[in-house]
């Protein structure tokens, strides 16, 4: 399922493919990531995200697809701080991944 993270102007900055069967999210090449990483006690894995950014981005743009173990880890990578990926990733109509998963289980 194709999903997006948008900036405050609602323009997609990152595109991902979510696999419901595995709960994995692939951030696609060409996606933009935030310029900064915001360190804090709730941002676990920030060192790993920094290493991945160094390996997979050039000037803040993904050069290759990258698979993450969850939508939240993928969103943290893109946004640069701790967030809920089920709320940040949205479809073309603006529905969150959480809403989409809830709809499909009804």
PDB file of N, CA and C in Angstrom:
ATOM      1  N   UNK A   1       0.856  -1.156   0.000  1.00  0.00           N
ATOM      2  CA  UNK A   1       0.000   0.000   0.000  1.00  0.00           C
ATOM      3  C   UNK A   1       0.912   1.231   0.000  1.00  0.00           C
ATOM      4  N   UNK A   2       0.709   2.131  -0.945  1.00  0.00           N
ATOM      5  CA  UNK A   2       1.526   3.330  -1.066  1.00  0.00           C
ATOM      6  C   UNK A   2       1.033   4.397  -0.087  1.00  0.00           C
ATOM      7  N   UNK A   3       1.982   4.929   0.696  1.00  0.00           N
ATOM      8  CA  UNK A   3       1.677   5.937   1.705  1.00  0.00           C
ATOM      9  C   UNK A   3       2.697   7.068   1.637  1.00  0.00           C
ATOM     10  N   UNK A   4       2.345   8.191   2.262  1.00  0.00           N
ATOM     11  CA  UNK A   4       3.179   9.377   2.190  1.00  0.00           C
ATOM     12  C   UNK A   4       3.315  10.036   3.551  1.00  0.00           C
ATOM     13  N   UNK A   5       4.433  10.736   3.740  1.00  0.00           N
ATOM     14  CA  UNK A   5       4.581  11.693   4.827  1.00  0.00           C
ATOM     15  C   UNK A   5       4.653  13.046   4.151  1.00  0.00           C
ATOM     16  N   UNK A   6       3.798  13.960   4.603  1.00  0.00           N
ATOM     17  CA  UNK A   6       3.716  15.284   3.987  1.00  0.00           C
ATOM     18  C   UNK A   6       4.307  16.334   4.917  1.00  0.00           C
ATOM     19  N   UNK A   7       4.730  17.459   4.315  1.00  0.00           N
ATOM     20  CA  UNK A   7       5.204  18.573   5.133  1.00  0.00           C
ATOM     21  C   UNK A   7       4.016  19.397   5.601  1.00  0.00           C
ATOM     22  N   UNK A   8       4.281  20.486   6.281  1.00  0.00           N
ATOM     23  CA  UNK A   8       3.178  21.283   6.842  1.00  0.00           C
ATOM     24  C   UNK A   8       2.327  21.941   5.767  1.00  0.00           C
ATOM     25  N   UNK A   9       2.816  21.957   4.522  1.00  0.00           N
ATOM     26  CA  UNK A   9       2.041  22.497   3.399  1.00  0.00           C
ATOM     27  C   UNK A   9       1.296  21.384   2.657  1.00  0.00           C
ATOM     28  N   UNK A  10       1.306  20.194   3.250  1.00  0.00           N
ATOM     29  CA  UNK A  10       0.626  19.006   2.722  1.00  0.00           C
ATOM     30  C   UNK A  10       1.244  18.481   1.426  1.00  0.00           C
ATOM     31  N   UNK A  11       2.500  18.811   1.200  1.00  0.00           N
ATOM     32  CA  UNK A  11       3.217  18.308   0.028  1.00  0.00           C
ATOM     33  C   UNK A  11       3.985  17.059   0.456  1.00  0.00           C
ATOM     34  N   UNK A  12       3.820  15.948  -0.277  1.00  0.00           N
ATOM     35  CA  UNK A  12       4.551  14.732   0.102  1.00  0.00           C
ATOM     36  C   UNK A  12       6.063  14.947   0.041  1.00  0.00           C
ATOM     37  N   UNK A  13       6.741  14.552   1.102  1.00  0.00           N
ATOM     38  CA  UNK A  13       8.194  14.615   1.115  1.00  0.00           C
ATOM     39  C   UNK A  13       8.797  13.212   1.096  1.00  0.00           C
ATOM     40  N   UNK A  14       8.044  12.240   1.577  1.00  0.00           N
ATOM     41  CA  UNK A  14       8.522  10.863   1.582  1.00  0.00           C
ATOM     42  C   UNK A  14       7.408   9.947   1.105  1.00  0.00           C
ATOM     43  N   UNK A  15       7.805   8.938   0.359  1.00  0.00           N
ATOM     44  CA  UNK A  15       6.865   7.939  -0.148  1.00  0.00           C
ATOM     45  C   UNK A  15       7.310   6.583   0.366  1.00  0.00           C
ATOM     46  N   UNK A  16       6.344   5.790   0.806  1.00  0.00           N
ATOM     47  CA  UNK A  16       6.657   4.463   1.302  1.00  0.00           C
ATOM     48  C   UNK A  16       5.653   3.435   0.828  1.00  0.00           C
ATOM     49  N   UNK A  17       6.076   2.192   0.863  1.00  0.00           N
ATOM     50  CA  UNK A  17       5.190   1.063   0.594  1.00  0.00           C
ATOM     51  C   UNK A  17       5.075   0.256   1.877  1.00  0.00           C
ATOM     52  N   UNK A  18       3.830   0.088   2.341  1.00  0.00           N
ATOM     53  CA  UNK A  18       3.572  -0.668   3.563  1.00  0.00           C
ATOM     54  C   UNK A  18       3.121  -2.070   3.203  1.00  0.00           C
ATOM     55  N   UNK A  19       3.711  -3.074   3.855  1.00  0.00           N
ATOM     56  CA  UNK A  19       3.336  -4.471   3.673  1.00  0.00           C
ATOM     57  C   UNK A  19       2.613  -4.930   4.935  1.00  0.00           C
ATOM     58  N   UNK A  20       1.305  -5.074   4.826  1.00  0.00           N
ATOM     59  CA  UNK A  20       0.490  -5.437   5.988  1.00  0.00           C
ATOM     60  C   UNK A  20       0.861  -6.815   6.537  1.00  0.00           C
ATOM     61  N   UNK A  21       1.221  -7.743   5.678  1.00  0.00           N
ATOM     62  CA  UNK A  21       1.535  -9.100   6.117  1.00  0.00           C
ATOM     63  C   UNK A  21       2.755  -9.141   7.033  1.00  0.00           C
ATOM     64  N   UNK A  22       3.731  -8.278   6.783  1.00  0.00           N
ATOM     65  CA  UNK A  22       4.963  -8.283   7.576  1.00  0.00           C
ATOM     66  C   UNK A  22       5.086  -7.071   8.496  1.00  0.00           C
ATOM     67  N   UNK A  23       4.199  -6.078   8.337  1.00  0.00           N
ATOM     68  CA  UNK A  23       4.236  -4.811   9.063  1.00  0.00           C
ATOM     69  C   UNK A  23       5.497  -4.011   8.737  1.00  0.00           C
ATOM     70  N   UNK A  24       6.106  -4.272   7.585  1.00  0.00           N
ATOM     71  CA  UNK A  24       7.317  -3.558   7.191  1.00  0.00           C
ATOM     72  C   UNK A  24       6.967  -2.392   6.275  1.00  0.00           C
ATOM     73  N   UNK A  25       7.763  -1.348   6.386  1.00  0.00           N
ATOM     74  CA  UNK A  25       7.592  -0.156   5.566  1.00  0.00           C
ATOM     75  C   UNK A  25       8.883   0.071   4.786  1.00  0.00           C
ATOM     76  N   UNK A  26       8.753   0.249   3.480  1.00  0.00           N
ATOM     77  CA  UNK A  26       9.892   0.580   2.638  1.00  0.00           C
ATOM     78  C   UNK A  26       9.809   2.046   2.281  1.00  0.00           C
ATOM     79  N   UNK A  27      10.828   2.817   2.657  1.00  0.00           N
ATOM     80  CA  UNK A  27      10.921   4.211   2.251  1.00  0.00           C
ATOM     81  C   UNK A  27      11.602   4.207   0.888  1.00  0.00           C
ATOM     82  N   UNK A  28      10.958   4.835  -0.088  1.00  0.00           N
ATOM     83  CA  UNK A  28      11.407   4.744  -1.470  1.00  0.00           C
ATOM     84  C   UNK A  28      12.466   5.778  -1.837  1.00  0.00           C
ATOM     85  N   UNK A  29      13.329   5.383  -2.757  1.00  0.00           N
ATOM     86  CA  UNK A  29      14.348   6.286  -3.282  1.00  0.00           C
ATOM     87  C   UNK A  29      13.678   7.563  -3.785  1.00  0.00           C
ATOM     88  N   UNK A  30      14.328   8.689  -3.574  1.00  0.00           N
ATOM     89  CA  UNK A  30      13.768   9.979  -3.965  1.00  0.00           C
ATOM     90  C   UNK A  30      13.043  10.679  -2.834  1.00  0.00           C
ATOM     91  N   UNK A  31      12.734   9.948  -1.765  1.00  0.00           N
ATOM     92  CA  UNK A  31      12.084  10.562  -0.603  1.00  0.00           C
ATOM     93  C   UNK A  31      13.062  11.512   0.082  1.00  0.00           C
ATOM     94  N   UNK A  32      12.503  12.553   0.672  1.00  0.00           N
ATOM     95  CA  UNK A  32      13.314  13.523   1.419  1.00  0.00           C
ATOM     96  C   UNK A  32      13.229  13.204   2.908  1.00  0.00           C
ATOM     97  N   UNK A  33      14.326  13.445   3.607  1.00  0.00           N
ATOM     98  CA  UNK A  33      14.353  13.305   5.055  1.00  0.00           C
ATOM     99  C   UNK A  33      14.665  14.664   5.663  1.00  0.00           C
ATOM    100  N   UNK A  34      14.270  14.866   6.917  1.00  0.00           N
ATOM    101  CA  UNK A  34      14.526  16.142   7.583  1.00  0.00           C
ATOM    102  C   UNK A  34      16.022  16.409   7.660  1.00  0.00           C
ATOM    103  N   UNK A  35      16.376  17.670   7.749  1.00  0.00           N
ATOM    104  CA  UNK A  35      17.788  18.042   7.812  1.00  0.00           C
ATOM    105  C   UNK A  35      18.419  17.686   9.150  1.00  0.00           C
ATOM    106  N   UNK A  36      17.625  17.706  10.199  1.00  0.00           N
ATOM    107  CA  UNK A  36      18.150  17.512  11.553  1.00  0.00           C
ATOM    108  C   UNK A  36      17.602  16.244  12.196  1.00  0.00           C
ATOM    109  N   UNK A  37      18.369  15.739  13.154  1.00  0.00           N
ATOM    110  CA  UNK A  37      17.896  14.694  14.062  1.00  0.00           C
ATOM    111  C   UNK A  37      17.743  15.339  15.424  1.00  0.00           C
ATOM    112  N   UNK A  38      16.593  15.168  16.040  1.00  0.00           N
ATOM    113  CA  UNK A  38      16.309  15.770  17.328  1.00  0.00           C
ATOM    114  C   UNK A  38      16.446  14.705  18.403  1.00  0.00           C
ATOM    115  N   UNK A  39      17.520  14.786  19.149  1.00  0.00           N
ATOM    116  CA  UNK A  39      17.813  13.781  20.160  1.00  0.00           C
ATOM    117  C   UNK A  39      17.018  14.039  21.426  1.00  0.00           C
ATOM    118  N   UNK A  40      16.576  12.959  22.047  1.00  0.00           N
ATOM    119  CA  UNK A  40      15.839  13.067  23.294  1.00  0.00           C
ATOM    120  C   UNK A  40      15.662  11.692  23.901  1.00  0.00           C
ATOM    121  N   UNK A  41      15.199  11.642  25.132  1.00  0.00           N
ATOM    122  CA  UNK A  41      15.058  10.356  25.813  1.00  0.00           C
ATOM    123  C   UNK A  41      14.044   9.421  25.155  1.00  0.00           C
ATOM    124  N   UNK A  42      13.070   9.978  24.442  1.00  0.00           N
ATOM    125  CA  UNK A  42      12.062   9.110  23.827  1.00  0.00           C
ATOM    126  C   UNK A  42      12.453   8.664  22.420  1.00  0.00           C
ATOM    127  N   UNK A  43      13.569   9.152  21.917  1.00  0.00           N
ATOM    128  CA  UNK A  43      13.982   8.816  20.553  1.00  0.00           C
ATOM    129  C   UNK A  43      15.022   7.709  20.598  1.00  0.00           C
ATOM    130  N   UNK A  44      14.528   6.489  20.687  1.00  0.00           N
ATOM    131  CA  UNK A  44      15.408   5.329  20.705  1.00  0.00           C
ATOM    132  C   UNK A  44      15.874   5.035  19.285  1.00  0.00           C
ATOM    133  N   UNK A  45      17.074   4.555  19.148  1.00  0.00           N
ATOM    134  CA  UNK A  45      17.580   4.187  17.837  1.00  0.00           C
ATOM    135  C   UNK A  45      18.133   5.347  17.040  1.00  0.00           C
ATOM    136  N   UNK A  46      18.334   6.494  17.668  1.00  0.00           N
ATOM    137  CA  UNK A  46      18.786   7.648  16.917  1.00  0.00           C
ATOM    138  C   UNK A  46      20.181   7.455  16.325  1.00  0.00           C
ATOM    139  N   UNK A  47      21.049   6.706  16.986  1.00  0.00           N
ATOM    140  CA  UNK A  47      22.386   6.441  16.438  1.00  0.00           C
ATOM    141  C   UNK A  47      22.287   5.577  15.187  1.00  0.00           C
ATOM    142  N   UNK A  48      21.403   4.595  15.221  1.00  0.00           N
ATOM    143  CA  UNK A  48      21.214   3.738  14.052  1.00  0.00           C
ATOM    144  C   UNK A  48      20.628   4.553  12.902  1.00  0.00           C
ATOM    145  N   UNK A  49      19.680   5.418  13.203  1.00  0.00           N
ATOM    146  CA  UNK A  49      19.070   6.250  12.159  1.00  0.00           C
ATOM    147  C   UNK A  49      20.120   7.178  11.552  1.00  0.00           C
ATOM    148  N   UNK A  50      20.990   7.711  12.360  1.00  0.00           N
ATOM    149  CA  UNK A  50      22.058   8.579  11.844  1.00  0.00           C
ATOM    150  C   UNK A  50      22.949   7.798  10.882  1.00  0.00           C
ATOM    151  N   UNK A  51      23.321   6.575  11.258  1.00  0.00           N
ATOM    152  CA  UNK A  51      24.159   5.742  10.381  1.00  0.00           C
ATOM    153  C   UNK A  51      23.432   5.421   9.072  1.00  0.00           C
ATOM    154  N   UNK A  52      22.136   5.090   9.180  1.00  0.00           N
ATOM    155  CA  UNK A  52      21.375   4.782   7.966  1.00  0.00           C
ATOM    156  C   UNK A  52      21.255   6.003   7.055  1.00  0.00           C
ATOM    157  N   UNK A  53      21.051   7.163   7.642  1.00  0.00           N
ATOM    158  CA  UNK A  53      20.970   8.391   6.841  1.00  0.00           C
ATOM    159  C   UNK A  53      22.283   8.643   6.108  1.00  0.00           C
ATOM    160  N   UNK A  54      23.397   8.422   6.793  1.00  0.00           N
ATOM    161  CA  UNK A  54      24.699   8.619   6.160  1.00  0.00           C
ATOM    162  C   UNK A  54      24.899   7.656   4.997  1.00  0.00           C
ATOM    163  N   UNK A  55      24.377   6.441   5.129  1.00  0.00           N
ATOM    164  CA  UNK A  55      24.561   5.421   4.096  1.00  0.00           C
ATOM    165  C   UNK A  55      23.559   5.534   2.944  1.00  0.00           C
ATOM    166  N   UNK A  56      22.338   6.019   3.209  1.00  0.00           N
ATOM    167  CA  UNK A  56      21.264   5.959   2.220  1.00  0.00           C
ATOM    168  C   UNK A  56      20.797   7.298   1.670  1.00  0.00           C
ATOM    169  N   UNK A  57      21.345   8.404   2.155  1.00  0.00           N
ATOM    170  CA  UNK A  57      20.887   9.701   1.647  1.00  0.00           C
ATOM    171  C   UNK A  57      22.049  10.538   1.132  1.00  0.00           C
ATOM    172  N   UNK A  58      21.737  11.387   0.176  1.00  0.00           N
ATOM    173  CA  UNK A  58      22.663  12.395  -0.321  1.00  0.00           C
ATOM    174  C   UNK A  58      21.910  13.711  -0.304  1.00  0.00           C
ATOM    175  N   UNK A  59      22.422  14.682   0.442  1.00  0.00           N
ATOM    176  CA  UNK A  59      21.772  15.989   0.573  1.00  0.00           C
ATOM    177  C   UNK A  59      20.301  15.859   0.988  1.00  0.00           C
ATOM    178  N   UNK A  60      20.018  14.919   1.883  1.00  0.00           N
ATOM    179  CA  UNK A  60      18.671  14.761   2.415  1.00  0.00           C
ATOM    180  C   UNK A  60      17.694  14.023   1.532  1.00  0.00           C
ATOM    181  N   UNK A  61      18.177  13.382   0.463  1.00  0.00           N
ATOM    182  CA  UNK A  61      17.313  12.644  -0.457  1.00  0.00           C
ATOM    183  C   UNK A  61      17.762  11.182  -0.488  1.00  0.00           C
ATOM    184  N   UNK A  62      16.793  10.283  -0.371  1.00  0.00           N
ATOM    185  CA  UNK A  62      17.089   8.846  -0.404  1.00  0.00           C
ATOM    186  C   UNK A  62      17.629   8.447  -1.773  1.00  0.00           C
ATOM    187  N   UNK A  63      18.784   7.768  -1.778  1.00  0.00           N
ATOM    188  CA  UNK A  63      19.347   7.321  -3.051  1.00  0.00           C
ATOM    189  C   UNK A  63      18.923   5.890  -3.397  1.00  0.00           C
ATOM    190  N   UNK A  64      18.457   5.135  -2.421  1.00  0.00           N
ATOM    191  CA  UNK A  64      17.968   3.765  -2.624  1.00  0.00           C
ATOM    192  C   UNK A  64      16.769   3.528  -1.717  1.00  0.00           C
ATOM    193  N   UNK A  65      15.968   2.512  -2.063  1.00  0.00           N
ATOM    194  CA  UNK A  65      14.885   2.086  -1.178  1.00  0.00           C
ATOM    195  C   UNK A  65      15.492   1.512   0.100  1.00  0.00           C
ATOM    196  N   UNK A  66      14.778   1.660   1.211  1.00  0.00           N
ATOM    197  CA  UNK A  66      15.242   1.133   2.484  1.00  0.00           C
ATOM    198  C   UNK A  66      14.058   0.555   3.243  1.00  0.00           C
ATOM    199  N   UNK A  67      14.166  -0.715   3.649  1.00  0.00           N
ATOM    200  CA  UNK A  67      13.095  -1.413   4.353  1.00  0.00           C
ATOM    201  C   UNK A  67      13.290  -1.264   5.857  1.00  0.00           C
ATOM    202  N   UNK A  68      12.202  -0.921   6.566  1.00  0.00           N
ATOM    203  CA  UNK A  68      12.208  -0.783   8.017  1.00  0.00           C
ATOM    204  C   UNK A  68      11.280  -1.826   8.621  1.00  0.00           C
ATOM    205  N   UNK A  69      11.537  -2.171   9.876  1.00  0.00           N
ATOM    206  CA  UNK A  69      10.767  -3.217  10.557  1.00  0.00           C
ATOM    207  C   UNK A  69       9.375  -2.765  10.952  1.00  0.00           C
ATOM    208  N   UNK A  70       9.107  -1.457  10.898  1.00  0.00           N
ATOM    209  CA  UNK A  70       7.779  -0.961  11.238  1.00  0.00           C
ATOM    210  C   UNK A  70       7.579   0.419  10.624  1.00  0.00           C
ATOM    211  N   UNK A  71       6.321   0.846  10.482  1.00  0.00           N
ATOM    212  CA  UNK A  71       6.061   2.185   9.972  1.00  0.00           C
ATOM    213  C   UNK A  71       6.588   3.277  10.902  1.00  0.00           C
ATOM    214  N   UNK A  72       6.636   2.996  12.202  1.00  0.00           N
ATOM    215  CA  UNK A  72       7.119   3.992  13.152  1.00  0.00           C
ATOM    216  C   UNK A  72       8.617   4.225  12.995  1.00  0.00           C
ATOM    217  N   UNK A  73       9.390   3.172  12.865  1.00  0.00           N
ATOM    218  CA  UNK A  73      10.831   3.334  12.668  1.00  0.00           C
ATOM    219  C   UNK A  73      11.089   4.090  11.363  1.00  0.00           C
ATOM    220  N   UNK A  74      10.323   3.775  10.315  1.00  0.00           N
ATOM    221  CA  UNK A  74      10.468   4.472   9.035  1.00  0.00           C
ATOM    222  C   UNK A  74      10.131   5.951   9.169  1.00  0.00           C
ATOM    223  N   UNK A  75       9.067   6.272   9.897  1.00  0.00           N
ATOM    224  CA  UNK A  75       8.687   7.673  10.103  1.00  0.00           C
ATOM    225  C   UNK A  75       9.744   8.403  10.926  1.00  0.00           C
ATOM    226  N   UNK A  76      10.275   7.762  11.960  1.00  0.00           N
ATOM    227  CA  UNK A  76      11.343   8.369  12.756  1.00  0.00           C
ATOM    228  C   UNK A  76      12.548   8.698  11.875  1.00  0.00           C
ATOM    229  N   UNK A  77      12.881   7.794  10.966  1.00  0.00           N
ATOM    230  CA  UNK A  77      13.989   8.003  10.037  1.00  0.00           C
ATOM    231  C   UNK A  77      13.736   9.234   9.163  1.00  0.00           C
ATOM    232  N   UNK A  78      12.537   9.352   8.630  1.00  0.00           N
ATOM    233  CA  UNK A  78      12.194  10.452   7.724  1.00  0.00           C
ATOM    234  C   UNK A  78      12.110  11.777   8.466  1.00  0.00           C
ATOM    235  N   UNK A  79      11.413  11.795   9.595  1.00  0.00           N
ATOM    236  CA  UNK A  79      11.113  13.034  10.298  1.00  0.00           C
ATOM    237  C   UNK A  79      12.265  13.488  11.190  1.00  0.00           C
ATOM    238  N   UNK A  80      13.002  12.549  11.756  1.00  0.00           N
ATOM    239  CA  UNK A  80      14.150  12.898  12.576  1.00  0.00           C
ATOM    240  C   UNK A  80      13.868  13.015  14.053  1.00  0.00           C
ATOM    241  N   UNK A  81      12.683  12.606  14.481  1.00  0.00           N
ATOM    242  CA  UNK A  81      12.353  12.572  15.903  1.00  0.00           C
ATOM    243  C   UNK A  81      11.324  11.483  16.143  1.00  0.00           C
ATOM    244  N   UNK A  82      11.086  11.191  17.415  1.00  0.00           N
ATOM    245  CA  UNK A  82      10.159  10.137  17.774  1.00  0.00           C
ATOM    246  C   UNK A  82       8.727  10.526  17.428  1.00  0.00           C
ATOM    247  N   UNK A  83       8.047   9.653  16.702  1.00  0.00           N
ATOM    248  CA  UNK A  83       6.659   9.895  16.329  1.00  0.00           C
ATOM    249  C   UNK A  83       5.958   8.557  16.117  1.00  0.00           C
ATOM    250  N   UNK A  84       4.654   8.597  15.944  1.00  0.00           N
ATOM    251  CA  UNK A  84       3.860   7.402  15.698  1.00  0.00           C
ATOM    252  C   UNK A  84       3.674   7.244  14.189  1.00  0.00           C
ATOM    253  N   UNK A  85       4.331   6.258  13.632  1.00  0.00           N
ATOM    254  CA  UNK A  85       4.259   6.035  12.194  1.00  0.00           C
ATOM    255  C   UNK A  85       2.871   5.699  11.692  1.00  0.00           C
ATOM    256  N   UNK A  86       2.044   5.089  12.554  1.00  0.00           N
ATOM    257  CA  UNK A  86       0.680   4.758  12.148  1.00  0.00           C
ATOM    258  C   UNK A  86      -0.173   6.007  11.958  1.00  0.00           C
ATOM    259  N   UNK A  87       0.277   7.127  12.526  1.00  0.00           N
ATOM    260  CA  UNK A  87      -0.428   8.394  12.347  1.00  0.00           C
ATOM    261  C   UNK A  87       0.240   9.276  11.285  1.00  0.00           C
ATOM    262  N   UNK A  88       1.560   9.163  11.145  1.00  0.00           N
ATOM    263  CA  UNK A  88       2.293  10.027  10.210  1.00  0.00           C
ATOM    264  C   UNK A  88       2.144   9.593   8.750  1.00  0.00           C
ATOM    265  N   UNK A  89       2.162   8.296   8.493  1.00  0.00           N
ATOM    266  CA  UNK A  89       2.030   7.799   7.123  1.00  0.00           C
ATOM    267  C   UNK A  89       0.568   7.878   6.711  1.00  0.00           C
ATOM    268  N   UNK A  90       0.304   8.486   5.548  1.00  0.00           N
ATOM    269  CA  UNK A  90      -1.071   8.687   5.073  1.00  0.00           C
ATOM    270  C   UNK A  90      -1.180   8.337   3.599  1.00  0.00           C
ATOM    271  N   UNK A  91      -2.388   7.944   3.184  1.00  0.00           N
ATOM    272  CA  UNK A  91      -2.612   7.632   1.772  1.00  0.00           C
ATOM    273  C   UNK A  91      -2.851   8.922   0.986  1.00  0.00           C
ATOM    274  N   UNK A  92      -3.115   8.795  -0.305  1.00  0.00           N
ATOM    275  CA  UNK A  92      -3.308   9.962  -1.176  1.00  0.00           C
ATOM    276  C   UNK A  92      -4.502  10.814  -0.754  1.00  0.00           C
ATOM    277  N   UNK A  93      -5.484  10.208  -0.080  1.00  0.00           N
ATOM    278  CA  UNK A  93      -6.664  10.944   0.382  1.00  0.00           C
ATOM    279  C   UNK A  93      -6.475  11.539   1.771  1.00  0.00           C
ATOM    280  N   UNK A  94      -5.316  11.295   2.399  1.00  0.00           N
ATOM    281  CA  UNK A  94      -5.044  11.864   3.711  1.00  0.00           C
ATOM    282  C   UNK A  94      -5.422  10.997   4.892  1.00  0.00           C
ATOM    283  N   UNK A  95      -5.859   9.764   4.639  1.00  0.00           N
ATOM    284  CA  UNK A  95      -6.206   8.853   5.736  1.00  0.00           C
ATOM    285  C   UNK A  95      -4.939   8.227   6.312  1.00  0.00           C
ATOM    286  N   UNK A  96      -4.832   8.205   7.636  1.00  0.00           N
ATOM    287  CA  UNK A  96      -3.649   7.642   8.288  1.00  0.00           C
ATOM    288  C   UNK A  96      -3.604   6.123   8.121  1.00  0.00           C
ATOM    289  N   UNK A  97      -2.421   5.571   8.276  1.00  0.00           N
ATOM    290  CA  UNK A  97      -2.269   4.121   8.229  1.00  0.00           C
ATOM    291  C   UNK A  97      -3.146   3.479   9.297  1.00  0.00           C
ATOM    292  N   UNK A  98      -3.244   4.084  10.465  1.00  0.00           N
ATOM    293  CA  UNK A  98      -4.095   3.552  11.527  1.00  0.00           C
ATOM    294  C   UNK A  98      -5.541   3.454  11.055  1.00  0.00           C
ATOM    295  N   UNK A  99      -6.047   4.510  10.417  1.00  0.00           N
ATOM    296  CA  UNK A  99      -7.418   4.490   9.900  1.00  0.00           C
ATOM    297  C   UNK A  99      -7.588   3.397   8.846  1.00  0.00           C
ATOM    298  N   UNK A 100      -6.618   3.287   7.952  1.00  0.00           N
ATOM    299  CA  UNK A 100      -6.709   2.298   6.878  1.00  0.00           C
ATOM    300  C   UNK A 100      -6.717   0.874   7.422  1.00  0.00           C
ATOM    301  N   UNK A 101      -5.889   0.615   8.419  1.00  0.00           N
ATOM    302  CA  UNK A 101      -5.861  -0.725   9.003  1.00  0.00           C
ATOM    303  C   UNK A 101      -7.144  -1.025   9.763  1.00  0.00           C
ATOM    304  N   UNK A 102      -7.699  -0.026  10.420  1.00  0.00           N
ATOM    305  CA  UNK A 102      -8.961  -0.208  11.142  1.00  0.00           C
ATOM    306  C   UNK A 102     -10.096  -0.499  10.163  1.00  0.00           C
ATOM    307  N   UNK A 103     -10.142   0.217   9.043  1.00  0.00           N
ATOM    308  CA  UNK A 103     -11.171   0.013   8.014  1.00  0.00           C
ATOM    309  C   UNK A 103     -11.102  -1.394   7.451  1.00  0.00           C
ATOM    310  N   UNK A 104      -9.910  -1.908   7.238  1.00  0.00           N
ATOM    311  CA  UNK A 104      -9.754  -3.212   6.604  1.00  0.00           C
ATOM    312  C   UNK A 104     -10.083  -4.373   7.522  1.00  0.00           C
ATOM    313  N   UNK A 105     -10.094  -4.108   8.828  1.00  0.00           N
ATOM    314  CA  UNK A 105     -10.404  -5.196   9.762  1.00  0.00           C
ATOM    315  C   UNK A 105     -11.882  -5.265  10.100  1.00  0.00           C
ATOM    316  N   UNK A 106     -12.647  -4.298   9.633  1.00  0.00           N
ATOM    317  CA  UNK A 106     -14.095  -4.305   9.918  1.00  0.00           C
ATOM    318  C   UNK A 106     -14.834  -5.229   9.000  1.00  0.00           C
TER     319      UNK A 106
END
